[in-house]
């Protein structure tokens, strides 16, 4: 594997006055991980992040609005051909 981070964490945040730039900066500066994407608009933002502590990302994002379409995949298991 080419990453030190185990979990591919993806979700959508639905809310009001969301700022993809602010969300990106907060996650990048607060939580350890890589491959961060935060894209969307003021009412819907998609998050993608590789981390060892996905629950921290989910907890933070839940403070911004409603979170849904949550996917947390274990990339280490997937790299061994197992279900992630």
N, C-alpha and C. Protein backbone atom coordinates (compact mmCIF):
# COMPACT_ATOMS: atom_id res chain seq x y z
N UNK A 1 0.84 -1.19 0.00
CA UNK A 1 0.00 0.00 0.00
C UNK A 1 0.88 1.24 0.00
N UNK A 2 0.41 2.27 -0.64
CA UNK A 2 1.17 3.52 -0.73
C UNK A 2 0.67 4.58 0.24
N UNK A 3 -0.03 4.15 1.27
CA UNK A 3 -0.53 5.09 2.28
C UNK A 3 -0.33 4.50 3.68
N UNK A 4 -0.14 5.37 4.64
CA UNK A 4 -0.05 4.94 6.03
C UNK A 4 -1.42 4.95 6.70
N UNK A 5 -2.43 5.37 5.96
CA UNK A 5 -3.77 5.54 6.54
C UNK A 5 -4.69 4.43 6.06
N UNK A 6 -5.36 3.84 7.00
CA UNK A 6 -6.11 2.61 6.76
C UNK A 6 -7.49 2.83 6.14
N UNK A 7 -8.19 3.88 6.56
CA UNK A 7 -9.60 4.01 6.20
C UNK A 7 -9.86 5.10 5.17
N UNK A 8 -10.51 4.69 4.09
CA UNK A 8 -11.01 5.62 3.08
C UNK A 8 -12.39 6.06 3.57
N UNK A 9 -12.50 7.32 3.97
CA UNK A 9 -13.71 7.85 4.58
C UNK A 9 -14.37 8.83 3.61
N UNK A 10 -15.63 8.57 3.29
CA UNK A 10 -16.37 9.43 2.37
C UNK A 10 -17.76 9.70 2.94
N UNK A 11 -18.24 10.91 2.72
CA UNK A 11 -19.58 11.25 3.18
C UNK A 11 -20.04 12.54 2.52
N UNK A 12 -21.31 12.80 2.66
CA UNK A 12 -21.89 14.07 2.22
C UNK A 12 -22.38 14.82 3.44
N UNK A 13 -22.21 16.14 3.40
CA UNK A 13 -22.74 17.03 4.45
C UNK A 13 -23.78 17.93 3.78
N UNK A 14 -24.98 17.93 4.33
CA UNK A 14 -26.02 18.84 3.86
C UNK A 14 -26.28 19.86 4.95
N UNK A 15 -26.22 21.13 4.58
CA UNK A 15 -26.43 22.17 5.59
C UNK A 15 -26.64 23.52 4.94
N UNK A 16 -26.40 24.56 5.70
CA UNK A 16 -26.55 25.92 5.22
C UNK A 16 -25.23 26.66 5.40
N UNK A 17 -24.91 27.50 4.44
CA UNK A 17 -23.71 28.33 4.49
C UNK A 17 -22.43 27.51 4.70
N UNK A 18 -22.38 26.33 4.06
CA UNK A 18 -21.18 25.50 4.14
C UNK A 18 -20.08 26.12 3.29
N UNK A 19 -18.86 25.99 3.72
CA UNK A 19 -17.71 26.50 2.96
C UNK A 19 -16.74 25.35 2.75
N UNK A 20 -16.63 24.89 1.50
CA UNK A 20 -15.73 23.78 1.23
C UNK A 20 -14.29 24.15 1.60
N UNK A 21 -13.90 25.40 1.41
CA UNK A 21 -12.54 25.83 1.75
C UNK A 21 -12.30 25.76 3.26
N UNK A 22 -13.27 26.25 4.04
CA UNK A 22 -13.12 26.21 5.50
C UNK A 22 -13.10 24.78 6.02
N UNK A 23 -13.97 23.94 5.47
CA UNK A 23 -14.02 22.54 5.88
C UNK A 23 -12.70 21.85 5.53
N UNK A 24 -12.21 22.07 4.31
CA UNK A 24 -10.93 21.49 3.88
C UNK A 24 -9.82 21.90 4.84
N UNK A 25 -9.72 23.20 5.09
CA UNK A 25 -8.64 23.71 5.95
C UNK A 25 -8.74 23.14 7.36
N UNK A 26 -9.95 23.06 7.90
CA UNK A 26 -10.12 22.54 9.27
C UNK A 26 -9.69 21.07 9.34
N UNK A 27 -10.15 20.28 8.40
CA UNK A 27 -9.78 18.85 8.41
C UNK A 27 -8.28 18.70 8.24
N UNK A 28 -7.71 19.41 7.28
CA UNK A 28 -6.27 19.29 7.01
C UNK A 28 -5.43 19.69 8.22
N UNK A 29 -5.85 20.74 8.92
CA UNK A 29 -5.07 21.26 10.04
C UNK A 29 -5.36 20.59 11.37
N UNK A 30 -6.42 19.79 11.44
CA UNK A 30 -6.84 19.21 12.72
C UNK A 30 -6.67 17.70 12.79
N UNK A 31 -6.89 17.01 11.68
CA UNK A 31 -6.93 15.55 11.69
C UNK A 31 -5.82 14.98 10.82
N UNK A 32 -5.18 13.93 11.32
CA UNK A 32 -4.10 13.29 10.58
C UNK A 32 -4.67 12.44 9.45
N UNK A 33 -4.10 12.58 8.25
CA UNK A 33 -4.55 11.80 7.12
C UNK A 33 -3.99 12.35 5.82
N UNK A 34 -4.50 11.83 4.68
CA UNK A 34 -4.08 12.32 3.37
C UNK A 34 -5.20 12.13 2.35
N UNK A 35 -4.93 12.56 1.14
CA UNK A 35 -5.87 12.44 0.01
C UNK A 35 -7.20 13.13 0.29
N UNK A 36 -7.15 14.32 0.87
CA UNK A 36 -8.36 15.05 1.24
C UNK A 36 -8.99 15.75 0.04
N UNK A 37 -10.29 15.56 -0.08
CA UNK A 37 -11.11 16.33 -1.01
C UNK A 37 -12.32 16.86 -0.24
N UNK A 38 -12.65 18.11 -0.47
CA UNK A 38 -13.87 18.71 0.07
C UNK A 38 -14.44 19.56 -1.06
N UNK A 39 -15.48 19.06 -1.71
CA UNK A 39 -16.03 19.75 -2.87
C UNK A 39 -17.54 19.89 -2.73
N UNK A 40 -18.06 21.00 -3.23
CA UNK A 40 -19.49 21.20 -3.19
C UNK A 40 -19.85 22.67 -3.23
N UNK A 41 -20.94 22.98 -2.55
CA UNK A 41 -21.42 24.36 -2.52
C UNK A 41 -21.93 24.68 -1.11
N UNK A 42 -22.69 25.75 -0.98
CA UNK A 42 -23.13 26.20 0.35
C UNK A 42 -24.11 25.26 1.03
N UNK A 43 -24.73 24.35 0.27
CA UNK A 43 -25.73 23.47 0.88
C UNK A 43 -25.34 21.99 0.88
N UNK A 44 -24.30 21.61 0.10
CA UNK A 44 -23.91 20.20 0.03
C UNK A 44 -22.41 20.10 -0.25
N UNK A 45 -21.69 19.38 0.62
CA UNK A 45 -20.25 19.20 0.45
C UNK A 45 -19.93 17.72 0.56
N UNK A 46 -19.14 17.22 -0.38
CA UNK A 46 -18.66 15.84 -0.33
C UNK A 46 -17.26 15.84 0.27
N UNK A 47 -17.04 14.92 1.20
CA UNK A 47 -15.74 14.76 1.85
C UNK A 47 -15.17 13.41 1.46
N UNK A 48 -13.88 13.40 1.17
CA UNK A 48 -13.13 12.16 0.94
C UNK A 48 -11.81 12.34 1.67
N UNK A 49 -11.45 11.36 2.54
CA UNK A 49 -10.24 11.50 3.34
C UNK A 49 -9.74 10.13 3.76
N UNK A 50 -8.43 9.94 3.68
CA UNK A 50 -7.80 8.73 4.18
C UNK A 50 -7.25 9.04 5.57
N UNK A 51 -7.67 8.24 6.56
CA UNK A 51 -7.30 8.50 7.95
C UNK A 51 -7.31 7.19 8.74
N UNK A 52 -6.69 7.18 9.88
CA UNK A 52 -6.78 6.04 10.78
C UNK A 52 -7.88 6.21 11.82
N UNK A 53 -8.50 7.39 11.84
CA UNK A 53 -9.52 7.69 12.84
C UNK A 53 -10.76 8.30 12.18
N UNK A 54 -11.48 7.50 11.38
CA UNK A 54 -12.62 8.05 10.63
C UNK A 54 -13.71 8.63 11.52
N UNK A 55 -13.85 8.12 12.73
CA UNK A 55 -14.89 8.62 13.63
C UNK A 55 -14.69 10.09 13.95
N UNK A 56 -13.44 10.57 13.95
CA UNK A 56 -13.21 11.99 14.21
C UNK A 56 -13.74 12.85 13.06
N UNK A 57 -13.57 12.37 11.85
CA UNK A 57 -14.08 13.11 10.68
C UNK A 57 -15.60 13.14 10.72
N UNK A 58 -16.20 11.99 11.02
CA UNK A 58 -17.67 11.92 11.08
C UNK A 58 -18.21 12.84 12.18
N UNK A 59 -17.55 12.84 13.32
CA UNK A 59 -18.00 13.68 14.43
C UNK A 59 -17.92 15.17 14.06
N UNK A 60 -16.79 15.57 13.48
CA UNK A 60 -16.64 16.97 13.08
C UNK A 60 -17.70 17.36 12.04
N UNK A 61 -17.82 16.54 11.01
CA UNK A 61 -18.76 16.87 9.93
C UNK A 61 -20.20 16.93 10.43
N UNK A 62 -20.52 16.12 11.43
CA UNK A 62 -21.89 16.13 11.95
C UNK A 62 -22.21 17.44 12.67
N UNK A 63 -21.19 18.21 13.05
CA UNK A 63 -21.44 19.52 13.68
C UNK A 63 -21.79 20.57 12.64
N UNK A 64 -21.58 20.27 11.35
CA UNK A 64 -21.79 21.24 10.28
C UNK A 64 -23.15 21.11 9.62
N UNK A 65 -23.77 19.95 9.76
CA UNK A 65 -25.06 19.71 9.12
C UNK A 65 -25.38 18.23 9.19
N UNK A 66 -26.32 17.83 8.38
CA UNK A 66 -26.72 16.42 8.34
C UNK A 66 -25.72 15.65 7.49
N UNK A 67 -25.20 14.54 8.02
CA UNK A 67 -24.26 13.72 7.25
C UNK A 67 -24.98 12.47 6.77
N UNK A 68 -24.65 12.06 5.54
CA UNK A 68 -25.27 10.87 4.96
C UNK A 68 -24.39 10.32 3.85
N UNK A 69 -24.83 9.21 3.25
CA UNK A 69 -24.02 8.48 2.27
C UNK A 69 -22.62 8.23 2.81
N UNK A 70 -22.56 7.77 4.05
CA UNK A 70 -21.29 7.55 4.74
C UNK A 70 -20.70 6.21 4.31
N UNK A 71 -19.44 6.25 3.87
CA UNK A 71 -18.72 5.04 3.49
C UNK A 71 -17.36 5.08 4.18
N UNK A 72 -17.05 4.03 4.92
CA UNK A 72 -15.73 3.88 5.53
C UNK A 72 -15.21 2.52 5.10
N UNK A 73 -14.17 2.52 4.27
CA UNK A 73 -13.62 1.28 3.75
C UNK A 73 -12.21 1.07 4.29
N UNK A 74 -11.91 -0.17 4.63
CA UNK A 74 -10.60 -0.55 5.15
C UNK A 74 -9.69 -0.88 3.96
N UNK A 75 -8.85 0.05 3.61
CA UNK A 75 -7.98 -0.12 2.44
C UNK A 75 -6.93 -1.20 2.65
N UNK A 76 -6.51 -1.44 3.90
CA UNK A 76 -5.53 -2.49 4.17
C UNK A 76 -6.15 -3.85 3.86
N UNK A 77 -7.39 -4.06 4.28
CA UNK A 77 -8.08 -5.32 3.96
C UNK A 77 -8.27 -5.45 2.46
N UNK A 78 -8.67 -4.38 1.81
CA UNK A 78 -8.90 -4.43 0.37
C UNK A 78 -7.62 -4.78 -0.37
N UNK A 79 -6.48 -4.28 0.08
CA UNK A 79 -5.22 -4.56 -0.60
C UNK A 79 -4.83 -6.03 -0.49
N UNK A 80 -5.43 -6.75 0.47
CA UNK A 80 -5.18 -8.18 0.64
C UNK A 80 -6.26 -9.01 -0.07
N UNK A 81 -7.12 -8.32 -0.83
CA UNK A 81 -8.18 -9.02 -1.55
C UNK A 81 -9.38 -9.36 -0.70
N UNK A 82 -9.45 -8.78 0.49
CA UNK A 82 -10.58 -9.02 1.39
C UNK A 82 -11.62 -7.92 1.25
N UNK A 83 -12.82 -8.20 1.71
CA UNK A 83 -13.86 -7.17 1.69
C UNK A 83 -13.50 -6.07 2.66
N UNK A 84 -13.55 -4.82 2.20
CA UNK A 84 -13.12 -3.69 3.02
C UNK A 84 -14.22 -3.07 3.77
